[in-house]
Amino acid sequence: MYFDKKILRRIGEEYATAFGVELIKQGRTERAGGLIKSLRVRPAETSVSVEGNFYWTFLDKGVKASQIKYPRAKARIDALIKWLERKGVAGSDKVIKGIAYAIAYTHSKVGMPTRRGRFDRSRINFVDKAIKRSSSRINRTIDLELGKSVDIIINKI
């Protein structure tokens, strides 16, 4: 069965909105990382996907300290420096680099995500939490949009 891409886009937008709301509830504002801003809805012929920045999975599932093999890797430190700059942390290059190394060290000891130096389980599984918390709104949208699709098909007969 083929669905109108506009219908699938509206359904995907409900999911993307739910993800954004959950990320905000977890204290992950746009300024803190940009995942919310990166959320994109991609409708296909029979499905819709919601995509975001590559680190989406790390935020959703977390990373155990044992999985961080090279905490001082140049790529990790450079990414942390960019994140700190986007977050608006001010200071000399040396200070910013020192903060990045401190964060990388904490990640290597306790994992990610952290809050105040401790692994924070409340900040993982945002996808499942968002779907659970917004299921009634998402289901209403699906019913409404698919109902429109059925009405359109019936009207064409």
C-alpha atoms as a PDB file:
ATOM      1  CA  MET A   1       0.000   0.000   0.000  1.00  0.00           C
ATOM      2  CA  TYR A   2       1.269   3.456  -0.887  1.00  0.00           C
ATOM      3  CA  PHE A   3       0.755   6.393   1.485  1.00  0.00           C
ATOM      4  CA  ASP A   4       0.842  10.055   0.657  1.00  0.00           C
ATOM      5  CA  LYS A   5       4.237  11.405   1.747  1.00  0.00           C
ATOM      6  CA  LYS A   6       2.511  14.336   3.466  1.00  0.00           C
ATOM      7  CA  ILE A   7       0.684  11.885   5.733  1.00  0.00           C
ATOM      8  CA  LEU A   8       3.876  10.032   6.563  1.00  0.00           C
ATOM      9  CA  ARG A   9       5.680  13.331   7.145  1.00  0.00           C
ATOM     10  CA  ARG A  10       3.033  14.430   9.687  1.00  0.00           C
ATOM     11  CA  ILE A  11       3.311  11.107  11.515  1.00  0.00           C
ATOM     12  CA  GLY A  12       7.118  11.388  11.520  1.00  0.00           C
ATOM     13  CA  GLU A  13       6.874  14.946  12.809  1.00  0.00           C
ATOM     14  CA  GLU A  14       4.870  13.705  15.803  1.00  0.00           C
ATOM     15  CA  TYR A  15       7.675  11.270  16.620  1.00  0.00           C
ATOM     16  CA  ALA A  16      10.367  13.936  16.102  1.00  0.00           C
ATOM     17  CA  THR A  17       8.449  16.339  18.346  1.00  0.00           C
ATOM     18  CA  ALA A  18       8.146  13.671  21.041  1.00  0.00           C
ATOM     19  CA  PHE A  19      11.905  13.019  20.849  1.00  0.00           C
ATOM     20  CA  GLY A  20      12.637  16.752  21.114  1.00  0.00           C
ATOM     21  CA  VAL A  21      10.343  17.185  24.115  1.00  0.00           C
ATOM     22  CA  GLU A  22      11.980  14.238  25.889  1.00  0.00           C
ATOM     23  CA  LEU A  23      15.467  15.607  25.199  1.00  0.00           C
ATOM     24  CA  ILE A  24      14.433  18.966  26.660  1.00  0.00           C
ATOM     25  CA  LYS A  25      13.020  17.198  29.740  1.00  0.00           C
ATOM     26  CA  GLN A  26      16.439  15.574  30.140  1.00  0.00           C
ATOM     27  CA  GLY A  27      18.108  18.981  30.038  1.00  0.00           C
ATOM     28  CA  ARG A  28      19.455  18.632  26.507  1.00  0.00           C
ATOM     29  CA  THR A  29      18.600  21.960  24.946  1.00  0.00           C
ATOM     30  CA  GLU A  30      19.561  22.941  21.406  1.00  0.00           C
ATOM     31  CA  ARG A  31      22.488  24.976  22.678  1.00  0.00           C
ATOM     32  CA  ALA A  32      23.881  22.013  24.601  1.00  0.00           C
ATOM     33  CA  GLY A  33      24.433  19.779  21.615  1.00  0.00           C
ATOM     34  CA  GLY A  34      22.166  20.319  18.677  1.00  0.00           C
ATOM     35  CA  LEU A  35      20.467  16.910  18.475  1.00  0.00           C
ATOM     36  CA  ILE A  36      17.043  18.508  18.711  1.00  0.00           C
ATOM     37  CA  LYS A  37      17.865  20.911  15.913  1.00  0.00           C
ATOM     38  CA  SER A  38      19.233  18.069  13.772  1.00  0.00           C
ATOM     39  CA  LEU A  39      16.067  15.932  13.861  1.00  0.00           C
ATOM     40  CA  ARG A  40      14.781  15.372  10.314  1.00  0.00           C
ATOM     41  CA  VAL A  41      11.761  13.484   9.039  1.00  0.00           C
ATOM     42  CA  ARG A  42      12.295  11.413   5.882  1.00  0.00           C
ATOM     43  CA  PRO A  43       9.120   9.900   4.389  1.00  0.00           C
ATOM     44  CA  ALA A  44       9.436   7.024   1.904  1.00  0.00           C
ATOM     45  CA  GLU A  45       6.677   5.205  -0.006  1.00  0.00           C
ATOM     46  CA  THR A  46       5.477   3.018   2.863  1.00  0.00           C
ATOM     47  CA  SER A  47       7.459   4.204   5.886  1.00  0.00           C
ATOM     48  CA  VAL A  48       8.922   7.226   7.586  1.00  0.00           C
ATOM     49  CA  SER A  49      12.186   7.632   9.456  1.00  0.00           C
ATOM     50  CA  VAL A  50      13.391  10.225  11.917  1.00  0.00           C
ATOM     51  CA  GLU A  51      17.101  10.959  11.638  1.00  0.00           C
ATOM     52  CA  GLY A  52      19.460  13.085  13.687  1.00  0.00           C
ATOM     53  CA  ASN A  53      23.121  13.741  14.419  1.00  0.00           C
ATOM     54  CA  PHE A  54      25.367  10.666  14.438  1.00  0.00           C
ATOM     55  CA  TYR A  55      25.687  10.608  18.242  1.00  0.00           C
ATOM     56  CA  TRP A  56      21.955   9.916  18.649  1.00  0.00           C
ATOM     57  CA  THR A  57      22.615   6.262  19.596  1.00  0.00           C
ATOM     58  CA  PHE A  58      25.220   7.192  22.209  1.00  0.00           C
ATOM     59  CA  LEU A  59      22.740   9.507  23.937  1.00  0.00           C
ATOM     60  CA  ASP A  60      19.903   7.014  23.690  1.00  0.00           C
ATOM     61  CA  LYS A  61      21.715   3.859  24.801  1.00  0.00           C
ATOM     62  CA  GLY A  62      24.608   5.350  26.760  1.00  0.00           C
ATOM     63  CA  VAL A  63      28.225   4.231  26.656  1.00  0.00           C
ATOM     64  CA  LYS A  64      29.833   2.142  29.379  1.00  0.00           C
ATOM     65  CA  ALA A  65      33.220   3.309  30.622  1.00  0.00           C
ATOM     66  CA  SER A  66      34.710   0.003  29.442  1.00  0.00           C
ATOM     67  CA  GLN A  67      33.614   0.803  25.875  1.00  0.00           C
ATOM     68  CA  ILE A  68      35.713   3.982  25.756  1.00  0.00           C
ATOM     69  CA  LYS A  69      39.046   2.591  24.648  1.00  0.00           C
ATOM     70  CA  TYR A  70      40.916   5.800  23.802  1.00  0.00           C
ATOM     71  CA  PRO A  71      39.597   8.640  25.976  1.00  0.00           C
ATOM     72  CA  ARG A  72      42.422  10.974  24.921  1.00  0.00           C
ATOM     73  CA  ALA A  73      42.090  10.301  21.195  1.00  0.00           C
ATOM     74  CA  LYS A  74      42.528  13.460  19.148  1.00  0.00           C
ATOM     75  CA  ALA A  75      39.148  13.023  17.428  1.00  0.00           C
ATOM     76  CA  ARG A  76      37.362  12.707  20.813  1.00  0.00           C
ATOM     77  CA  ILE A  77      39.122  15.759  22.260  1.00  0.00           C
ATOM     78  CA  ASP A  78      38.471  17.811  19.095  1.00  0.00           C
ATOM     79  CA  ALA A  79      34.776  16.860  19.204  1.00  0.00           C
ATOM     80  CA  LEU A  80      34.546  17.825  22.886  1.00  0.00           C
ATOM     81  CA  ILE A  81      36.244  21.167  22.150  1.00  0.00           C
ATOM     82  CA  LYS A  82      33.712  21.888  19.374  1.00  0.00           C
ATOM     83  CA  TRP A  83      30.864  20.887  21.692  1.00  0.00           C
ATOM     84  CA  LEU A  84      32.174  23.200  24.435  1.00  0.00           C
ATOM     85  CA  GLU A  85      32.443  26.067  21.941  1.00  0.00           C
ATOM     86  CA  ARG A  86      28.857  25.496  20.726  1.00  0.00           C
ATOM     87  CA  LYS A  87      27.749  25.400  24.343  1.00  0.00           C
ATOM     88  CA  GLY A  88      29.310  28.814  24.836  1.00  0.00           C
ATOM     89  CA  VAL A  89      32.075  27.878  27.270  1.00  0.00           C
ATOM     90  CA  ALA A  90      34.574  30.721  27.230  1.00  0.00           C
ATOM     91  CA  GLY A  91      38.270  30.684  27.934  1.00  0.00           C
ATOM     92  CA  SER A  92      41.633  30.445  26.291  1.00  0.00           C
ATOM     93  CA  ASP A  93      42.366  27.562  23.935  1.00  0.00           C
ATOM     94  CA  LYS A  94      44.446  25.950  26.670  1.00  0.00           C
ATOM     95  CA  VAL A  95      41.594  26.175  29.213  1.00  0.00           C
ATOM     96  CA  ILE A  96      39.018  24.789  26.760  1.00  0.00           C
ATOM     97  CA  LYS A  97      41.364  21.924  25.866  1.00  0.00           C
ATOM     98  CA  GLY A  98      41.867  21.201  29.581  1.00  0.00           C
ATOM     99  CA  ILE A  99      38.102  21.047  30.114  1.00  0.00           C
ATOM    100  CA  ALA A 100      37.773  18.679  27.140  1.00  0.00           C
ATOM    101  CA  TYR A 101      40.420  16.380  28.621  1.00  0.00           C
ATOM    102  CA  ALA A 102      38.662  16.449  32.009  1.00  0.00           C
ATOM    103  CA  ILE A 103      35.354  15.474  30.400  1.00  0.00           C
ATOM    104  CA  ALA A 104      37.043  12.687  28.417  1.00  0.00           C
ATOM    105  CA  TYR A 105      38.659  11.434  31.637  1.00  0.00           C
ATOM    106  CA  THR A 106      35.292  11.395  33.431  1.00  0.00           C
ATOM    107  CA  HIS A 107      33.695   9.533  30.520  1.00  0.00           C
ATOM    108  CA  SER A 108      36.464   6.926  30.648  1.00  0.00           C
ATOM    109  CA  LYS A 109      35.866   6.385  34.382  1.00  0.00           C
ATOM    110  CA  VAL A 110      32.044   6.430  34.629  1.00  0.00           C
ATOM    111  CA  GLY A 111      30.717   6.257  31.046  1.00  0.00           C
ATOM    112  CA  MET A 112      28.261   8.532  29.280  1.00  0.00           C
ATOM    113  CA  PRO A 113      25.963  10.308  29.776  1.00  0.00           C
ATOM    114  CA  THR A 114      27.067  11.949  32.979  1.00  0.00           C
ATOM    115  CA  ARG A 115      25.620  14.535  35.253  1.00  0.00           C
ATOM    116  CA  ARG A 116      27.846  16.097  37.884  1.00  0.00           C
ATOM    117  CA  GLY A 117      30.510  13.443  37.357  1.00  0.00           C
ATOM    118  CA  ARG A 118      28.210  10.426  37.733  1.00  0.00           C
ATOM    119  CA  PHE A 119      26.644   8.108  35.177  1.00  0.00           C
ATOM    120  CA  ASP A 120      23.066   9.296  34.810  1.00  0.00           C
ATOM    121  CA  ARG A 121      20.610   6.522  33.896  1.00  0.00           C
ATOM    122  CA  SER A 122      17.739   9.013  33.730  1.00  0.00           C
ATOM    123  CA  ARG A 123      19.279  10.435  30.555  1.00  0.00           C
ATOM    124  CA  ILE A 124      19.267   7.230  28.499  1.00  0.00           C
ATOM    125  CA  ASN A 125      16.487   5.578  26.460  1.00  0.00           C
ATOM    126  CA  PHE A 126      15.014   8.913  25.403  1.00  0.00           C
ATOM    127  CA  VAL A 127      13.475   7.292  22.292  1.00  0.00           C
ATOM    128  CA  ASP A 128      11.491   4.693  24.253  1.00  0.00           C
ATOM    129  CA  LYS A 129      10.528   7.233  26.913  1.00  0.00           C
ATOM    130  CA  ALA A 130       9.343   9.701  24.269  1.00  0.00           C
ATOM    131  CA  ILE A 131       7.218   7.127  22.482  1.00  0.00           C
ATOM    132  CA  LYS A 132       5.712   5.916  25.764  1.00  0.00           C
ATOM    133  CA  ARG A 133       4.935   9.414  27.052  1.00  0.00           C
ATOM    134  CA  SER A 134       3.532  10.623  23.730  1.00  0.00           C
ATOM    135  CA  SER A 135       1.844   7.432  22.544  1.00  0.00           C
ATOM    136  CA  SER A 136      -1.708   8.762  22.824  1.00  0.00           C
ATOM    137  CA  ARG A 137      -0.881  11.903  20.799  1.00  0.00           C
ATOM    138  CA  ILE A 138       1.115   9.896  18.245  1.00  0.00           C
ATOM    139  CA  ASN A 139      -1.699   7.333  17.918  1.00  0.00           C
ATOM    140  CA  ARG A 140      -4.296  10.099  17.444  1.00  0.00           C
ATOM    141  CA  THR A 141      -2.179  11.574  14.657  1.00  0.00           C
ATOM    142  CA  ILE A 142      -1.756   8.167  13.024  1.00  0.00           C
ATOM    143  CA  ASP A 143      -5.511   7.485  13.253  1.00  0.00           C
ATOM    144  CA  LEU A 144      -6.346  10.940  11.892  1.00  0.00           C
ATOM    145  CA  GLU A 145      -3.836  10.800   9.036  1.00  0.00           C
ATOM    146  CA  LEU A 146      -4.570   7.215   8.031  1.00  0.00           C
ATOM    147  CA  GLY A 147      -8.281   7.990   8.301  1.00  0.00           C
ATOM    148  CA  LYS A 148      -7.742  10.766   5.769  1.00  0.00           C
ATOM    149  CA  SER A 149      -5.949   8.298   3.519  1.00  0.00           C
ATOM    150  CA  VAL A 150      -8.819   5.841   3.724  1.00  0.00           C
ATOM    151  CA  ASP A 151     -11.347   8.627   3.076  1.00  0.00           C
ATOM    152  CA  ILE A 152      -9.374   9.678  -0.007  1.00  0.00           C
ATOM    153  CA  ILE A 153      -9.317   6.100  -1.298  1.00  0.00           C
ATOM    154  CA  ILE A 154     -13.032   5.628  -0.657  1.00  0.00           C
ATOM    155  CA  ASN A 155     -13.864   8.923  -2.336  1.00  0.00           C
ATOM    156  CA  LYS A 156     -11.974   7.861  -5.463  1.00  0.00           C
ATOM    157  CA  ILE A 157     -14.139   4.754  -5.925  1.00  0.00           C
END
